PDB file of all heavy atoms in Angstrom:
ATOM      1  N   ILE A   1      18.824  53.818  45.543  1.00  0.00           N
ATOM      2  CA  ILE A   1      19.081  52.388  45.392  1.00  0.00           C
ATOM      3  C   ILE A   1      20.554  52.096  45.662  1.00  0.00           C
ATOM      4  O   ILE A   1      20.900  51.115  46.339  1.00  0.00           O
ATOM      5  CB  ILE A   1      18.664  51.919  43.985  1.00  0.00           C
ATOM      6  CG1 ILE A   1      17.136  51.937  43.862  1.00  0.00           C
ATOM      7  CG2 ILE A   1      19.204  50.521  43.689  1.00  0.00           C
ATOM      8  CD1 ILE A   1      16.622  51.718  42.443  1.00  0.00           C
ATOM      9  N   ALA A   2      21.434  52.954  45.162  1.00  0.00           N
ATOM     10  CA  ALA A   2      22.869  52.755  45.390  1.00  0.00           C
ATOM     11  C   ALA A   2      23.203  52.841  46.877  1.00  0.00           C
ATOM     12  O   ALA A   2      23.930  51.985  47.413  1.00  0.00           O
ATOM     13  CB  ALA A   2      23.665  53.792  44.603  1.00  0.00           C
ATOM     14  N   ILE A   3      22.678  53.853  47.565  1.00  0.00           N
ATOM     15  CA  ILE A   3      22.941  53.998  49.000  1.00  0.00           C
ATOM     16  C   ILE A   3      22.449  52.770  49.756  1.00  0.00           C
ATOM     17  O   ILE A   3      23.131  52.226  50.634  1.00  0.00           O
ATOM     18  CB  ILE A   3      22.265  55.268  49.546  1.00  0.00           C
ATOM     19  CG1 ILE A   3      22.940  56.518  48.962  1.00  0.00           C
ATOM     20  CG2 ILE A   3      22.317  55.311  51.074  1.00  0.00           C
ATOM     21  CD1 ILE A   3      22.196  57.801  49.233  1.00  0.00           C
ATOM     22  N   ALA A   4      21.243  52.310  49.399  1.00  0.00           N
ATOM     23  CA  ALA A   4      20.651  51.166  50.102  1.00  0.00           C
ATOM     24  C   ALA A   4      21.364  49.859  49.807  1.00  0.00           C
ATOM     25  O   ALA A   4      21.202  48.885  50.541  1.00  0.00           O
ATOM     26  CB  ALA A   4      19.173  51.043  49.716  1.00  0.00           C
ATOM     27  N   SER A   5      22.169  49.821  48.735  1.00  0.00           N
ATOM     28  CA  SER A   5      22.850  48.576  48.371  1.00  0.00           C
ATOM     29  C   SER A   5      24.157  48.375  49.129  1.00  0.00           C
ATOM     30  O   SER A   5      24.825  47.351  48.949  1.00  0.00           O
ATOM     31  CB  SER A   5      23.111  48.540  46.866  1.00  0.00           C
ATOM     32  OG  SER A   5      24.030  49.544  46.479  1.00  0.00           O
ATOM     33  N   GLY A   6      24.546  49.350  49.966  1.00  0.00           N
ATOM     34  CA  GLY A   6      25.727  49.177  50.811  1.00  0.00           C
ATOM     35  C   GLY A   6      27.009  49.036  50.016  1.00  0.00           C
ATOM     36  O   GLY A   6      27.388  49.925  49.259  1.00  0.00           O
ATOM     37  N   ARG A   7      27.665  47.887  50.149  1.00  0.00           N
ATOM     38  CA  ARG A   7      28.952  47.691  49.495  1.00  0.00           C
ATOM     39  C   ARG A   7      28.851  47.635  47.970  1.00  0.00           C
ATOM     40  O   ARG A   7      29.863  47.748  47.280  1.00  0.00           O
ATOM     41  CB  ARG A   7      29.611  46.404  50.012  1.00  0.00           C
ATOM     42  CG  ARG A   7      30.112  46.506  51.455  1.00  0.00           C
ATOM     43  CD  ARG A   7      30.770  45.229  51.906  1.00  0.00           C
ATOM     44  NE  ARG A   7      29.810  44.128  51.993  1.00  0.00           N
ATOM     45  CZ  ARG A   7      30.129  42.879  52.336  1.00  0.00           C
ATOM     46  NH1 ARG A   7      31.388  42.572  52.614  1.00  0.00           N
ATOM     47  NH2 ARG A   7      29.206  41.936  52.395  1.00  0.00           N
ATOM     48  N   ARG A   8      27.644  47.460  47.451  1.00  0.00           N
ATOM     49  CA  ARG A   8      27.439  47.438  45.996  1.00  0.00           C
ATOM     50  C   ARG A   8      27.097  48.828  45.459  1.00  0.00           C
ATOM     51  O   ARG A   8      26.744  48.960  44.284  1.00  0.00           O
ATOM     52  CB  ARG A   8      26.304  46.484  45.634  1.00  0.00           C
ATOM     53  CG  ARG A   8      26.551  45.024  45.966  1.00  0.00           C
ATOM     54  CD  ARG A   8      27.536  44.373  45.036  1.00  0.00           C
ATOM     55  NE  ARG A   8      27.179  44.499  43.633  1.00  0.00           N
ATOM     56  CZ  ARG A   8      27.943  44.074  42.637  1.00  0.00           C
ATOM     57  NH1 ARG A   8      29.127  43.525  42.896  1.00  0.00           N
ATOM     58  NH2 ARG A   8      27.564  44.216  41.377  1.00  0.00           N
ATOM     59  N   ALA A   9      27.222  49.865  46.293  1.00  0.00           N
ATOM     60  CA  ALA A   9      26.832  51.214  45.868  1.00  0.00           C
ATOM     61  C   ALA A   9      27.612  51.672  44.646  1.00  0.00           C
ATOM     62  O   ALA A   9      27.047  52.241  43.706  1.00  0.00           O
ATOM     63  CB  ALA A   9      27.015  52.201  47.025  1.00  0.00           C
ATOM     64  N   GLY A  10      28.929  51.430  44.639  1.00  0.00           N
ATOM     65  CA  GLY A  10      29.737  51.855  43.514  1.00  0.00           C
ATOM     66  C   GLY A  10      29.323  51.169  42.227  1.00  0.00           C
ATOM     67  O   GLY A  10      29.222  51.800  41.165  1.00  0.00           O
ATOM     68  N   ALA A  11      29.066  49.860  42.305  1.00  0.00           N
ATOM     69  CA  ALA A  11      28.638  49.111  41.119  1.00  0.00           C
ATOM     70  C   ALA A  11      27.281  49.605  40.629  1.00  0.00           C
ATOM     71  O   ALA A  11      27.059  49.736  39.418  1.00  0.00           O
ATOM     72  CB  ALA A  11      28.578  47.617  41.434  1.00  0.00           C
ATOM     73  N   ALA A  12      26.374  49.893  41.558  1.00  0.00           N
ATOM     74  CA  ALA A  12      25.048  50.383  41.178  1.00  0.00           C
ATOM     75  C   ALA A  12      25.149  51.702  40.426  1.00  0.00           C
ATOM     76  O   ALA A  12      24.512  51.896  39.381  1.00  0.00           O
ATOM     77  CB  ALA A  12      24.168  50.539  42.421  1.00  0.00           C
ATOM     78  N   LEU A  13      25.969  52.606  40.943  1.00  0.00           N
ATOM     79  CA  LEU A  13      26.126  53.904  40.280  1.00  0.00           C
ATOM     80  C   LEU A  13      26.847  53.765  38.939  1.00  0.00           C
ATOM     81  O   LEU A  13      26.489  54.442  37.965  1.00  0.00           O
ATOM     82  CB  LEU A  13      26.895  54.858  41.191  1.00  0.00           C
ATOM     83  CG  LEU A  13      26.128  55.381  42.411  1.00  0.00           C
ATOM     84  CD1 LEU A  13      27.038  56.238  43.275  1.00  0.00           C
ATOM     85  CD2 LEU A  13      24.901  56.185  41.969  1.00  0.00           C
ATOM     86  N   ARG A  14      27.840  52.910  38.868  1.00  0.00           N
ATOM     87  CA  ARG A  14      28.573  52.747  37.613  1.00  0.00           C
ATOM     88  C   ARG A  14      27.664  52.243  36.499  1.00  0.00           C
ATOM     89  O   ARG A  14      27.705  52.750  35.372  1.00  0.00           O
ATOM     90  CB  ARG A  14      29.750  51.776  37.809  1.00  0.00           C
ATOM     91  CG  ARG A  14      30.974  52.403  38.448  1.00  0.00           C
ATOM     92  CD  ARG A  14      32.193  51.509  38.285  1.00  0.00           C
ATOM     93  NE  ARG A  14      32.013  50.198  38.894  1.00  0.00           N
ATOM     94  CZ  ARG A  14      32.275  49.918  40.169  1.00  0.00           C
ATOM     95  NH1 ARG A  14      32.702  50.884  40.977  1.00  0.00           N
ATOM     96  NH2 ARG A  14      32.098  48.702  40.643  1.00  0.00           N
ATOM     97  N   VAL A  15      26.857  51.243  36.803  1.00  0.00           N
ATOM     98  CA  VAL A  15      25.970  50.698  35.774  1.00  0.00           C
ATOM     99  C   VAL A  15      24.933  51.735  35.364  1.00  0.00           C
ATOM    100  O   VAL A  15      24.644  51.902  34.168  1.00  0.00           O
ATOM    101  CB  VAL A  15      25.283  49.409  36.267  1.00  0.00           C
ATOM    102  CG1 VAL A  15      24.254  48.926  35.247  1.00  0.00           C
ATOM    103  CG2 VAL A  15      26.326  48.319  36.514  1.00  0.00           C
ATOM    104  N   ALA A  16      24.363  52.453  36.340  1.00  0.00           N
ATOM    105  CA  ALA A  16      23.373  53.478  36.003  1.00  0.00           C
ATOM    106  C   ALA A  16      23.979  54.560  35.118  1.00  0.00           C
ATOM    107  O   ALA A  16      23.396  54.947  34.102  1.00  0.00           O
ATOM    108  CB  ALA A  16      22.795  54.084  37.283  1.00  0.00           C
ATOM    109  N   LEU A  17      25.161  55.030  35.472  1.00  0.00           N
ATOM    110  CA  LEU A  17      25.807  56.086  34.697  1.00  0.00           C
ATOM    111  C   LEU A  17      26.207  55.608  33.298  1.00  0.00           C
ATOM    112  O   LEU A  17      26.112  56.352  32.324  1.00  0.00           O
ATOM    113  CB  LEU A  17      27.049  56.591  35.440  1.00  0.00           C
ATOM    114  CG  LEU A  17      26.778  57.429  36.692  1.00  0.00           C
ATOM    115  CD1 LEU A  17      28.056  57.583  37.508  1.00  0.00           C
ATOM    116  CD2 LEU A  17      26.220  58.790  36.316  1.00  0.00           C
ATOM    117  N   ARG A  18      26.618  54.355  33.207  1.00  0.00           N
ATOM    118  CA  ARG A  18      27.098  53.833  31.931  1.00  0.00           C
ATOM    119  C   ARG A  18      25.955  53.445  30.978  1.00  0.00           C
ATOM    120  O   ARG A  18      26.024  53.709  29.769  1.00  0.00           O
ATOM    121  CB  ARG A  18      27.972  52.606  32.182  1.00  0.00           C
ATOM    122  CG  ARG A  18      28.626  52.021  30.939  1.00  0.00           C
ATOM    123  CD  ARG A  18      29.264  50.684  31.265  1.00  0.00           C
ATOM    124  NE  ARG A  18      28.258  49.664  31.587  1.00  0.00           N
ATOM    125  CZ  ARG A  18      28.488  48.643  32.409  1.00  0.00           C
ATOM    126  NH1 ARG A  18      29.658  48.497  32.998  1.00  0.00           N
ATOM    127  NH2 ARG A  18      27.523  47.751  32.641  1.00  0.00           N
ATOM    128  N   ASP A  19      24.900  52.822  31.530  1.00  0.00           N
ATOM    129  CA  ASP A  19      23.909  52.171  30.673  1.00  0.00           C
ATOM    130  C   ASP A  19      22.569  52.880  30.581  1.00  0.00           C
ATOM    131  O   ASP A  19      21.763  52.528  29.713  1.00  0.00           O
ATOM    132  CB  ASP A  19      23.660  50.738  31.167  1.00  0.00           C
ATOM    133  CG  ASP A  19      24.874  49.837  31.004  1.00  0.00           C
ATOM    134  OD1 ASP A  19      25.840  50.264  30.337  1.00  0.00           O
ATOM    135  OD2 ASP A  19      24.860  48.722  31.552  1.00  0.00           O
ATOM    136  N   ALA A  20      22.292  53.844  31.459  1.00  0.00           N
ATOM    137  CA  ALA A  20      20.962  54.452  31.477  1.00  0.00           C
ATOM    138  C   ALA A  20      20.582  55.072  30.143  1.00  0.00           C
ATOM    139  O   ALA A  20      19.431  54.993  29.705  1.00  0.00           O
ATOM    140  CB  ALA A  20      20.873  55.503  32.586  1.00  0.00           C
ATOM    141  N   SER A  21      21.537  55.674  29.471  1.00  0.00           N
ATOM    142  CA  SER A  21      21.232  56.359  28.210  1.00  0.00           C
ATOM    143  C   SER A  21      20.863  55.393  27.093  1.00  0.00           C
ATOM    144  O   SER A  21      20.284  55.808  26.081  1.00  0.00           O
ATOM    145  CB  SER A  21      22.432  57.205  27.772  1.00  0.00           C
ATOM    146  OG  SER A  21      23.571  56.384  27.556  1.00  0.00           O
ATOM    147  N   ALA A  22      21.178  54.101  27.248  1.00  0.00           N
ATOM    148  CA  ALA A  22      20.818  53.114  26.227  1.00  0.00           C
ATOM    149  C   ALA A  22      19.361  52.691  26.331  1.00  0.00           C
ATOM    150  O   ALA A  22      18.820  52.089  25.399  1.00  0.00           O
ATOM    151  CB  ALA A  22      21.719  51.885  26.352  1.00  0.00           C
ATOM    152  N   HIS A  23      18.728  52.989  27.446  1.00  0.00           N
ATOM    153  CA  HIS A  23      17.337  52.581  27.662  1.00  0.00           C
ATOM    154  C   HIS A  23      16.415  53.374  26.746  1.00  0.00           C
ATOM    155  O   HIS A  23      16.679  54.525  26.407  1.00  0.00           O
ATOM    156  CB  HIS A  23      16.964  52.805  29.125  1.00  0.00           C
ATOM    157  CG  HIS A  23      15.777  52.034  29.585  1.00  0.00           C
ATOM    158  ND1 HIS A  23      14.488  52.409  29.303  1.00  0.00           N
ATOM    159  CD2 HIS A  23      15.680  50.892  30.329  1.00  0.00           C
ATOM    160  CE1 HIS A  23      13.648  51.541  29.850  1.00  0.00           C
ATOM    161  NE2 HIS A  23      14.347  50.604  30.476  1.00  0.00           N
ATOM    162  N   ARG A  24      15.297  52.761  26.360  1.00  0.00           N
ATOM    163  CA  ARG A  24      14.336  53.447  25.480  1.00  0.00           C
ATOM    164  C   ARG A  24      13.700  54.651  26.157  1.00  0.00           C
ATOM    165  O   ARG A  24      13.233  55.571  25.501  1.00  0.00           O
ATOM    166  CB  ARG A  24      13.235  52.475  25.044  1.00  0.00           C
ATOM    167  CG  ARG A  24      12.307  52.047  26.182  1.00  0.00           C
ATOM    168  CD  ARG A  24      11.393  50.908  25.776  1.00  0.00           C
ATOM    169  NE  ARG A  24      10.439  50.582  26.820  1.00  0.00           N
ATOM    170  CZ  ARG A  24      10.726  49.865  27.896  1.00  0.00           C
ATOM    171  NH1 ARG A  24      11.960  49.418  28.071  1.00  0.00           N
ATOM    172  NH2 ARG A  24       9.810  49.600  28.807  1.00  0.00           N
ATOM    173  N   SER A  25      13.668  54.649  27.491  1.00  0.00           N
ATOM    174  CA  SER A  25      13.112  55.760  28.256  1.00  0.00           C
ATOM    175  C   SER A  25      14.235  56.676  28.718  1.00  0.00           C
ATOM    176  O   SER A  25      15.304  56.200  29.117  1.00  0.00           O
ATOM    177  CB  SER A  25      12.348  55.240  29.484  1.00  0.00           C
ATOM    178  OG  SER A  25      12.133  56.267  30.429  1.00  0.00           O
ATOM    179  N   PRO A  26      14.024  57.995  28.704  1.00  0.00           N
ATOM    180  CA  PRO A  26      15.071  58.897  29.196  1.00  0.00           C
ATOM    181  C   PRO A  26      15.258  58.833  30.704  1.00  0.00           C
ATOM    182  O   PRO A  26      16.232  59.379  31.225  1.00  0.00           O
ATOM    183  CB  PRO A  26      14.562  60.281  28.769  1.00  0.00           C
ATOM    184  CG  PRO A  26      13.078  60.127  28.692  1.00  0.00           C
ATOM    185  CD  PRO A  26      12.849  58.727  28.205  1.00  0.00           C
ATOM    186  N   ASN A  27      14.353  58.159  31.406  1.00  0.00           N
ATOM    187  CA  ASN A  27      14.411  58.133  32.872  1.00  0.00           C
ATOM    188  C   ASN A  27      14.486  56.729  33.469  1.00  0.00           C
ATOM    189  O   ASN A  27      15.200  56.516  34.444  1.00  0.00           O
ATOM    190  CB  ASN A  27      13.185  58.855  33.449  1.00  0.00           C
ATOM    191  CG  ASN A  27      13.164  60.327  33.099  1.00  0.00           C
ATOM    192  OD1 ASN A  27      14.179  61.011  33.193  1.00  0.00           O
ATOM    193  ND2 ASN A  27      12.021  60.830  32.667  1.00  0.00           N
ATOM    194  N   ALA A  28      13.766  55.778  32.907  1.00  0.00           N
ATOM    195  CA  ALA A  28      13.663  54.466  33.550  1.00  0.00           C
ATOM    196  C   ALA A  28      14.995  53.743  33.634  1.00  0.00           C
ATOM    197  O   ALA A  28      15.214  52.918  34.528  1.00  0.00           O
ATOM    198  CB  ALA A  28      12.644  53.601  32.808  1.00  0.00           C
ATOM    199  N   GLY A  29      15.913  54.030  32.718  1.00  0.00           N
ATOM    200  CA  GLY A  29      17.204  53.372  32.757  1.00  0.00           C
ATOM    201  C   GLY A  29      18.014  53.668  34.001  1.00  0.00           C
ATOM    202  O   GLY A  29      18.889  52.865  34.377  1.00  0.00           O
ATOM    203  N   TRP A  30      17.746  54.784  34.662  1.00  0.00           N
ATOM    204  CA  TRP A  30      18.512  55.136  35.865  1.00  0.00           C
ATOM    205  C   TRP A  30      18.210  54.204  37.038  1.00  0.00           C
ATOM    206  O   TRP A  30      19.127  53.559  37.561  1.00  0.00           O
ATOM    207  CB  TRP A  30      18.271  56.599  36.221  1.00  0.00           C
ATOM    208  CG  TRP A  30      18.966  57.507  35.266  1.00  0.00           C
ATOM    209  CD1 TRP A  30      18.468  58.011  34.097  1.00  0.00           C
ATOM    210  CD2 TRP A  30      20.310  57.974  35.362  1.00  0.00           C
ATOM    211  NE1 TRP A  30      19.416  58.781  33.465  1.00  0.00           N
ATOM    212  CE2 TRP A  30      20.555  58.774  34.213  1.00  0.00           C
ATOM    213  CE3 TRP A  30      21.324  57.813  36.294  1.00  0.00           C
ATOM    214  CZ2 TRP A  30      21.780  59.397  33.987  1.00  0.00           C
ATOM    215  CZ3 TRP A  30      22.543  58.432  36.082  1.00  0.00           C
ATOM    216  CH2 TRP A  30      22.766  59.211  34.944  1.00  0.00           C
ATOM    217  N   PRO A  31      16.955  54.082  37.492  1.00  0.00           N
ATOM    218  CA  PRO A  31      16.713  53.138  38.591  1.00  0.00           C
ATOM    219  C   PRO A  31      16.929  51.687  38.175  1.00  0.00           C
ATOM    220  O   PRO A  31      17.403  50.873  38.980  1.00  0.00           O
ATOM    221  CB  PRO A  31      15.257  53.401  38.975  1.00  0.00           C
ATOM    222  CG  PRO A  31      14.632  54.039  37.768  1.00  0.00           C
ATOM    223  CD  PRO A  31      15.737  54.846  37.148  1.00  0.00           C
ATOM    224  N   GLU A  32      16.604  51.343  36.925  1.00  0.00           N
ATOM    225  CA  GLU A  32      16.809  49.963  36.489  1.00  0.00           C
ATOM    226  C   GLU A  32      18.297  49.635  36.409  1.00  0.00           C
ATOM    227  O   GLU A  32      18.721  48.536  36.791  1.00  0.00           O
ATOM    228  CB  GLU A  32      16.146  49.732  35.133  1.00  0.00           C
ATOM    229  CG  GLU A  32      14.623  49.711  35.197  1.00  0.00           C
ATOM    230  CD  GLU A  32      13.994  49.405  33.849  1.00  0.00           C
ATOM    231  OE1 GLU A  32      14.658  48.762  33.008  1.00  0.00           O
ATOM    232  OE2 GLU A  32      12.835  49.812  33.636  1.00  0.00           O
ATOM    233  N   GLY A  33      19.094  50.574  35.907  1.00  0.00           N
ATOM    234  CA  GLY A  33      20.532  50.353  35.862  1.00  0.00           C
ATOM    235  C   GLY A  33      21.129  50.207  37.250  1.00  0.00           C
ATOM    236  O   GLY A  33      21.983  49.344  37.494  1.00  0.00           O
ATOM    237  N   ALA A  34      20.679  51.053  38.178  1.00  0.00           N
ATOM    238  CA  ALA A  34      21.170  50.954  39.557  1.00  0.00           C
ATOM    239  C   ALA A  34      20.773  49.622  40.174  1.00  0.00           C
ATOM    240  O   ALA A  34      21.571  49.001  40.900  1.00  0.00           O
ATOM    241  CB  ALA A  34      20.620  52.117  40.383  1.00  0.00           C
ATOM    242  N   MET A  35      19.557  49.166  39.895  1.00  0.00           N
ATOM    243  CA  MET A  35      19.115  47.873  40.407  1.00  0.00           C
ATOM    244  C   MET A  35      19.979  46.747  39.839  1.00  0.00           C
ATOM    245  O   MET A  35      20.407  45.844  40.573  1.00  0.00           O
ATOM    246  CB  MET A  35      17.643  47.646  40.036  1.00  0.00           C
ATOM    247  CG  MET A  35      17.074  46.305  40.466  1.00  0.00           C
ATOM    248  SD  MET A  35      16.821  46.173  42.253  1.00  0.00           S
ATOM    249  CE  MET A  35      15.282  47.100  42.404  1.00  0.00           C
ATOM    250  N   ALA A  36      20.246  46.796  38.530  1.00  0.00           N
ATOM    251  CA  ALA A  36      21.075  45.764  37.905  1.00  0.00           C
ATOM    252  C   ALA A  36      22.468  45.730  38.528  1.00  0.00           C
ATOM    253  O   ALA A  36      23.018  44.653  38.806  1.00  0.00           O
ATOM    254  CB  ALA A  36      21.165  46.014  36.399  1.00  0.00           C
ATOM    255  N   GLY A  37      23.062  46.906  38.750  1.00  0.00           N
ATOM    256  CA  GLY A  37      24.387  46.954  39.357  1.00  0.00           C
ATOM    257  C   GLY A  37      24.383  46.509  40.806  1.00  0.00           C
ATOM    258  O   GLY A  37      25.309  45.820  41.261  1.00  0.00           O
ATOM    259  N   ALA A  38      23.341  46.886  41.538  1.00  0.00           N
ATOM    260  CA  ALA A  38      23.267  46.521  42.959  1.00  0.00           C
ATOM    261  C   ALA A  38      23.126  45.021  43.155  1.00  0.00           C
ATOM    262  O   ALA A  38      23.675  44.449  44.108  1.00  0.00           O
ATOM    263  CB  ALA A  38      22.088  47.244  43.611  1.00  0.00           C
ATOM    264  N   LEU A  39      22.384  44.356  42.255  1.00  0.00           N
ATOM    265  CA  LEU A  39      22.137  42.918  42.392  1.00  0.00           C
ATOM    266  C   LEU A  39      23.106  42.074  41.560  1.00  0.00           C
ATOM    267  O   LEU A  39      23.041  40.843  41.617  1.00  0.00           O
ATOM    268  CB  LEU A  39      20.703  42.595  41.975  1.00  0.00           C
ATOM    269  CG  LEU A  39      19.590  43.257  42.786  1.00  0.00           C
ATOM    270  CD1 LEU A  39      18.224  42.859  42.229  1.00  0.00           C
ATOM    271  CD2 LEU A  39      19.691  42.908  44.267  1.00  0.00           C
ATOM    272  N   ASP A  40      23.969  42.739  40.777  1.00  0.00           N
ATOM    273  CA  ASP A  40      24.902  42.049  39.885  1.00  0.00           C
ATOM    274  C   ASP A  40      24.158  41.091  38.949  1.00  0.00           C
ATOM    275  O   ASP A  40      24.475  39.897  38.857  1.00  0.00           O
ATOM    276  CB  ASP A  40      25.961  41.291  40.685  1.00  0.00           C
ATOM    277  CG  ASP A  40      27.109  40.814  39.786  1.00  0.00           C
ATOM    278  OD1 ASP A  40      27.328  41.431  38.726  1.00  0.00           O
ATOM    279  OD2 ASP A  40      27.766  39.811  40.143  1.00  0.00           O
TER     280      ASP A  40
END
């Protein structure tokens, strides 16, 4: 998702790395966090 977001790649990765662990799922927070960062 980060690669596909182009110029938002850094933001996508930052949000995923920062917020994924707060998600109730040990895995779903990663793609959802990247999506949130990519779309701001």
